[in-house]
Amino acid sequence: MGDPKSGVSPPTWKLMIAKWCGLYPALLIVSYAIQWAPIDPPLFLKLFLTTVILVPLLNYIITPLMDSLLEDWLYDGLPRETGGSD
C-alpha cells in the first residue's frame, strides 16, 4: 500500500470516484435541507448556499474521510516507500 505523504499519488480516476462517493450523499442531504427551508429562495441563492456549505465540507472533511476509508483501494498496486537510509 502506498503512503499519501510519500509523494505517490493514486490514479486520477480513483480519486474522482472516491470524491464522488463522499460528495453525492452530502449533496443530497444539503439539497433536501435547503428544499425544506421555510422560505423558497431563487435558484441562484440555492446554488450559492449549497456550494458555500459543500466546498469546505469536501475539502476538510469528505476528502480526508474518503481517502482514509478507501486507502487500500486507492494505493493498491502503487510502489511502496522503501524506507532506505540516506
N, C-alpha and C. Protein backbone atom coordinates (compact mmCIF):
# COMPACT_ATOMS: atom_id res chain seq x y z
N MET A 1 0.84 -1.17 0.00
CA MET A 1 0.00 0.00 0.00
C MET A 1 0.89 1.23 0.00
N GLY A 2 0.50 2.25 -0.76
CA GLY A 2 1.26 3.49 -0.83
C GLY A 2 1.00 4.38 0.38
N ASP A 3 1.77 5.42 0.46
CA ASP A 3 1.64 6.38 1.55
C ASP A 3 1.35 7.74 0.95
N PRO A 4 0.23 8.38 1.34
CA PRO A 4 -0.09 9.68 0.74
C PRO A 4 1.00 10.72 0.94
N LYS A 5 1.80 10.60 1.97
CA LYS A 5 2.83 11.59 2.26
C LYS A 5 4.14 11.29 1.53
N SER A 6 4.23 10.14 0.86
CA SER A 6 5.47 9.76 0.20
C SER A 6 5.60 10.36 -1.21
N GLY A 7 4.59 11.08 -1.66
CA GLY A 7 4.64 11.69 -2.97
C GLY A 7 4.02 10.82 -4.05
N VAL A 8 3.65 9.59 -3.73
CA VAL A 8 3.00 8.70 -4.69
C VAL A 8 1.51 9.02 -4.68
N SER A 9 0.96 9.27 -5.86
CA SER A 9 -0.44 9.65 -5.95
C SER A 9 -1.24 8.57 -6.68
N PRO A 10 -2.44 8.28 -6.19
CA PRO A 10 -3.29 7.30 -6.89
C PRO A 10 -3.72 7.84 -8.25
N PRO A 11 -4.18 6.97 -9.12
CA PRO A 11 -4.69 7.43 -10.41
C PRO A 11 -5.84 8.43 -10.23
N THR A 12 -5.92 9.37 -11.13
CA THR A 12 -6.94 10.41 -11.05
C THR A 12 -8.34 9.81 -11.04
N TRP A 13 -8.58 8.77 -11.80
CA TRP A 13 -9.92 8.19 -11.87
C TRP A 13 -10.34 7.62 -10.53
N LYS A 14 -9.38 7.07 -9.77
CA LYS A 14 -9.71 6.55 -8.45
C LYS A 14 -10.03 7.69 -7.49
N LEU A 15 -9.26 8.77 -7.57
CA LEU A 15 -9.53 9.93 -6.72
C LEU A 15 -10.90 10.53 -7.03
N MET A 16 -11.26 10.59 -8.31
CA MET A 16 -12.57 11.12 -8.69
C MET A 16 -13.70 10.26 -8.13
N ILE A 17 -13.57 8.95 -8.21
CA ILE A 17 -14.60 8.06 -7.69
C ILE A 17 -14.71 8.21 -6.18
N ALA A 18 -13.58 8.30 -5.49
CA ALA A 18 -13.59 8.45 -4.03
C ALA A 18 -14.29 9.76 -3.63
N LYS A 19 -13.99 10.85 -4.33
CA LYS A 19 -14.63 12.13 -4.01
C LYS A 19 -16.12 12.09 -4.33
N TRP A 20 -16.48 11.48 -5.44
CA TRP A 20 -17.88 11.39 -5.81
C TRP A 20 -18.67 10.58 -4.77
N CYS A 21 -18.07 9.49 -4.27
CA CYS A 21 -18.74 8.66 -3.26
C CYS A 21 -19.01 9.44 -1.98
N GLY A 22 -18.19 10.42 -1.67
CA GLY A 22 -18.44 11.25 -0.50
C GLY A 22 -19.31 12.45 -0.80
N LEU A 23 -19.17 13.00 -1.99
CA LEU A 23 -19.91 14.21 -2.35
C LEU A 23 -21.39 13.94 -2.60
N TYR A 24 -21.72 12.84 -3.25
CA TYR A 24 -23.10 12.57 -3.62
C TYR A 24 -24.05 12.54 -2.41
N PRO A 25 -23.74 11.77 -1.36
CA PRO A 25 -24.66 11.78 -0.21
C PRO A 25 -24.72 13.14 0.48
N ALA A 26 -23.59 13.83 0.55
CA ALA A 26 -23.60 15.16 1.18
C ALA A 26 -24.44 16.13 0.36
N LEU A 27 -24.34 16.05 -0.95
CA LEU A 27 -25.14 16.92 -1.82
C LEU A 27 -26.63 16.63 -1.66
N LEU A 28 -27.00 15.37 -1.56
CA LEU A 28 -28.41 15.03 -1.33
C LEU A 28 -28.91 15.62 -0.02
N ILE A 29 -28.14 15.47 1.04
CA ILE A 29 -28.55 15.97 2.35
C ILE A 29 -28.71 17.49 2.33
N VAL A 30 -27.72 18.18 1.79
CA VAL A 30 -27.78 19.65 1.74
C VAL A 30 -28.93 20.12 0.85
N SER A 31 -29.13 19.46 -0.28
CA SER A 31 -30.21 19.85 -1.19
C SER A 31 -31.57 19.68 -0.54
N TYR A 32 -31.78 18.55 0.14
CA TYR A 32 -33.06 18.35 0.82
C TYR A 32 -33.24 19.33 1.97
N ALA A 33 -32.17 19.62 2.69
CA ALA A 33 -32.27 20.58 3.80
C ALA A 33 -32.66 21.96 3.29
N ILE A 34 -32.07 22.38 2.18
CA ILE A 34 -32.41 23.69 1.60
C ILE A 34 -33.84 23.67 1.05
N GLN A 35 -34.24 22.55 0.48
CA GLN A 35 -35.59 22.42 -0.07
C GLN A 35 -36.65 22.54 1.03
N TRP A 36 -36.34 22.02 2.22
CA TRP A 36 -37.32 22.04 3.31
C TRP A 36 -37.25 23.31 4.15
N ALA A 37 -36.43 24.26 3.73
CA ALA A 37 -36.33 25.53 4.45
C ALA A 37 -37.68 26.23 4.39
N PRO A 38 -37.99 27.05 5.41
CA PRO A 38 -39.30 27.71 5.45
C PRO A 38 -39.53 28.70 4.30
N ILE A 39 -38.46 29.19 3.69
CA ILE A 39 -38.62 30.06 2.53
C ILE A 39 -38.14 29.32 1.29
N ASP A 40 -38.57 29.77 0.13
CA ASP A 40 -38.15 29.16 -1.13
C ASP A 40 -37.27 30.14 -1.88
N PRO A 41 -35.94 30.09 -1.64
CA PRO A 41 -35.05 31.05 -2.29
C PRO A 41 -34.95 30.77 -3.79
N PRO A 42 -34.58 31.77 -4.57
CA PRO A 42 -34.38 31.55 -6.01
C PRO A 42 -33.19 30.60 -6.25
N LEU A 43 -33.14 30.08 -7.47
CA LEU A 43 -32.14 29.06 -7.80
C LEU A 43 -30.71 29.53 -7.54
N PHE A 44 -30.38 30.76 -7.92
CA PHE A 44 -29.00 31.24 -7.72
C PHE A 44 -28.63 31.25 -6.25
N LEU A 45 -29.59 31.55 -5.37
CA LEU A 45 -29.31 31.54 -3.93
C LEU A 45 -29.18 30.11 -3.40
N LYS A 46 -30.02 29.20 -3.91
CA LYS A 46 -29.90 27.79 -3.53
C LYS A 46 -28.52 27.24 -3.90
N LEU A 47 -28.08 27.55 -5.12
CA LEU A 47 -26.77 27.07 -5.57
C LEU A 47 -25.64 27.70 -4.76
N PHE A 48 -25.79 28.99 -4.46
CA PHE A 48 -24.79 29.67 -3.64
C PHE A 48 -24.68 29.01 -2.26
N LEU A 49 -25.82 28.78 -1.61
CA LEU A 49 -25.82 28.16 -0.28
C LEU A 49 -25.24 26.74 -0.33
N THR A 50 -25.62 26.01 -1.36
CA THR A 50 -25.13 24.63 -1.50
C THR A 50 -23.61 24.60 -1.64
N THR A 51 -23.06 25.47 -2.50
CA THR A 51 -21.61 25.47 -2.69
C THR A 51 -20.87 26.03 -1.50
N VAL A 52 -21.44 27.01 -0.82
CA VAL A 52 -20.79 27.55 0.38
C VAL A 52 -20.68 26.48 1.46
N ILE A 53 -21.64 25.60 1.52
CA ILE A 53 -21.62 24.52 2.52
C ILE A 53 -20.73 23.36 2.05
N LEU A 54 -20.88 22.96 0.79
CA LEU A 54 -20.21 21.74 0.33
C LEU A 54 -18.73 21.88 0.03
N VAL A 55 -18.28 23.02 -0.45
CA VAL A 55 -16.86 23.15 -0.79
C VAL A 55 -15.97 22.98 0.45
N PRO A 56 -16.24 23.67 1.57
CA PRO A 56 -15.42 23.41 2.76
C PRO A 56 -15.58 21.98 3.28
N LEU A 57 -16.81 21.43 3.23
CA LEU A 57 -17.00 20.04 3.66
C LEU A 57 -16.17 19.09 2.82
N LEU A 58 -16.18 19.30 1.51
CA LEU A 58 -15.41 18.44 0.62
C LEU A 58 -13.92 18.55 0.90
N ASN A 59 -13.45 19.76 1.12
CA ASN A 59 -12.02 19.99 1.30
C ASN A 59 -11.50 19.47 2.65
N TYR A 60 -12.23 19.74 3.73
CA TYR A 60 -11.71 19.46 5.07
C TYR A 60 -12.25 18.19 5.72
N ILE A 61 -13.39 17.69 5.25
CA ILE A 61 -13.98 16.53 5.92
C ILE A 61 -14.16 15.34 4.97
N ILE A 62 -14.86 15.56 3.87
CA ILE A 62 -15.23 14.44 2.99
C ILE A 62 -14.01 13.81 2.33
N THR A 63 -13.15 14.62 1.71
CA THR A 63 -11.98 14.06 1.01
C THR A 63 -11.05 13.31 1.96
N PRO A 64 -10.66 13.90 3.12
CA PRO A 64 -9.82 13.11 4.04
C PRO A 64 -10.50 11.84 4.53
N LEU A 65 -11.80 11.91 4.78
CA LEU A 65 -12.54 10.73 5.24
C LEU A 65 -12.55 9.65 4.17
N MET A 66 -12.86 10.02 2.94
CA MET A 66 -12.90 9.04 1.86
C MET A 66 -11.50 8.49 1.57
N ASP A 67 -10.47 9.34 1.66
CA ASP A 67 -9.10 8.86 1.47
C ASP A 67 -8.74 7.80 2.50
N SER A 68 -9.14 8.02 3.75
CA SER A 68 -8.80 7.03 4.77
C SER A 68 -9.65 5.77 4.65
N LEU A 69 -10.93 5.92 4.29
CA LEU A 69 -11.80 4.75 4.15
C LEU A 69 -11.40 3.88 2.95
N LEU A 70 -10.96 4.52 1.87
CA LEU A 70 -10.65 3.81 0.64
C LEU A 70 -9.14 3.71 0.39
N GLU A 71 -8.35 3.90 1.42
CA GLU A 71 -6.89 3.93 1.29
C GLU A 71 -6.32 2.68 0.63
N ASP A 72 -6.77 1.50 1.06
CA ASP A 72 -6.24 0.26 0.49
C ASP A 72 -6.50 0.19 -1.01
N TRP A 73 -7.69 0.57 -1.44
CA TRP A 73 -8.04 0.54 -2.85
C TRP A 73 -7.32 1.64 -3.63
N LEU A 74 -7.27 2.85 -3.07
CA LEU A 74 -6.64 3.96 -3.77
C LEU A 74 -5.16 3.71 -4.06
N TYR A 75 -4.44 3.15 -3.08
CA TYR A 75 -3.00 2.99 -3.20
C TYR A 75 -2.58 1.57 -3.58
N ASP A 76 -3.55 0.71 -3.91
CA ASP A 76 -3.24 -0.66 -4.30
C ASP A 76 -2.44 -0.66 -5.60
N GLY A 77 -1.33 -1.37 -5.59
CA GLY A 77 -0.51 -1.51 -6.79
C GLY A 77 0.49 -0.39 -7.00
N LEU A 78 0.50 0.60 -6.14
CA LEU A 78 1.47 1.69 -6.26
C LEU A 78 2.76 1.29 -5.58
N PRO A 79 3.88 1.85 -6.02
CA PRO A 79 5.16 1.49 -5.39
C PRO A 79 5.16 1.87 -3.90
N ARG A 80 5.70 0.98 -3.12
CA ARG A 80 5.79 1.23 -1.67
C ARG A 80 7.02 2.05 -1.37
N GLU A 81 6.94 2.78 -0.26
CA GLU A 81 8.11 3.53 0.21
C GLU A 81 9.11 2.51 0.74
N THR A 82 10.35 2.62 0.28
CA THR A 82 11.35 1.60 0.65
C THR A 82 11.88 1.80 2.04
N GLY A 83 11.92 3.03 2.51
CA GLY A 83 12.43 3.29 3.86
C GLY A 83 13.93 3.14 3.97
N GLY A 84 14.65 3.23 2.84
CA GLY A 84 16.10 3.10 2.85
C GLY A 84 16.79 4.27 3.54
N SER A 85 18.03 4.08 3.92
CA SER A 85 18.76 5.14 4.60
C SER A 85 19.38 6.10 3.59
N ASP A 86 19.64 7.32 4.02
CA ASP A 86 20.23 8.35 3.14
C ASP A 86 21.73 8.24 3.06
